[in-house]
Protein backbone atom coordinates (compact mmCIF):
# COMPACT_ATOMS: atom_id res chain seq x y z
CA UNK A 1 75.81 86.05 16.46
CA UNK A 2 72.36 86.68 17.79
CA UNK A 3 71.65 85.69 21.52
CA UNK A 4 69.13 83.13 22.11
CA UNK A 5 66.95 83.44 25.16
CA UNK A 6 67.73 81.03 27.88
CA UNK A 7 65.41 78.21 28.17
CA UNK A 8 62.84 78.17 30.99
CA UNK A 9 63.17 75.21 33.38
CA UNK A 10 60.18 73.10 33.40
CA UNK A 11 58.29 72.27 36.63
CA UNK A 12 58.70 68.85 37.83
CA UNK A 13 54.88 68.44 38.80
CA UNK A 14 53.00 68.03 35.33
CA UNK A 15 49.65 67.89 37.28
CA UNK A 16 49.73 71.60 38.46
CA UNK A 17 46.99 73.90 37.42
CA UNK A 18 47.99 77.17 35.74
CA UNK A 19 47.07 78.96 39.04
CA UNK A 20 49.34 76.75 41.03
CA UNK A 21 52.11 77.13 38.47
CA UNK A 22 51.76 80.93 38.53
CA UNK A 23 51.78 81.07 42.19
CA UNK A 24 54.94 79.04 42.41
CA UNK A 25 56.59 81.30 40.00
CA UNK A 26 55.59 84.52 41.86
CA UNK A 27 56.82 82.92 45.19
CA UNK A 28 60.18 81.78 43.62
CA UNK A 29 60.72 85.26 42.20
CA UNK A 30 60.01 86.69 45.73
CA UNK A 31 62.64 84.21 47.22
CA UNK A 32 65.21 85.24 44.57
CA UNK A 33 64.77 88.92 45.36
CA UNK A 34 65.04 88.19 49.08
CA UNK A 35 68.33 86.27 48.47
CA UNK A 36 69.67 89.07 46.30
CA UNK A 37 68.94 91.57 48.96
CA UNK A 38 70.65 89.38 51.80
CA UNK A 39 73.69 89.08 49.59
CA UNK A 40 73.93 92.77 48.80
CA UNK A 41 73.59 93.49 52.69
CA UNK A 42 76.33 91.02 53.28
CA UNK A 43 78.79 92.55 50.88
CA UNK A 44 78.02 96.21 52.02
CA UNK A 45 78.61 94.99 55.72
CA UNK A 46 81.92 93.38 54.55
CA UNK A 47 82.86 96.66 52.69
CA UNK A 48 81.85 98.80 55.63
CA UNK A 49 84.01 96.78 57.94
CA UNK A 50 86.99 97.05 55.48
CA UNK A 51 86.54 100.90 55.32
CA UNK A 52 86.37 101.26 59.05
CA UNK A 53 89.40 99.07 59.70
CA UNK A 54 91.53 100.75 56.91
CA UNK A 55 90.62 104.15 58.42
CA UNK A 56 91.33 102.93 61.84
CA UNK A 57 94.78 101.71 60.94
CA UNK A 58 95.60 104.92 58.92
CA UNK A 59 96.02 103.43 55.52
CA UNK A 60 93.25 105.09 53.76
CA UNK A 61 93.57 108.63 54.51
C-alpha cells in the first residue's frame, strides 16, 4: 500500500497575500523547531538527573 502525503492544513485567513502566507509558514516552522529543542532539553535534563541519582545511590555502577 502506497503512503499518501499528509494533507496540508489550510490557513484560516483567505485574504492573505502570498508573502503573508510564506511569512506565517516560516514563523510557524521556527516555533516548531524551538519547541522541539525545548522538549529535547527537558528530556536530557530528566535523563541527566536520573543518571546522577542512580549513580549517587549505587544502583548503576
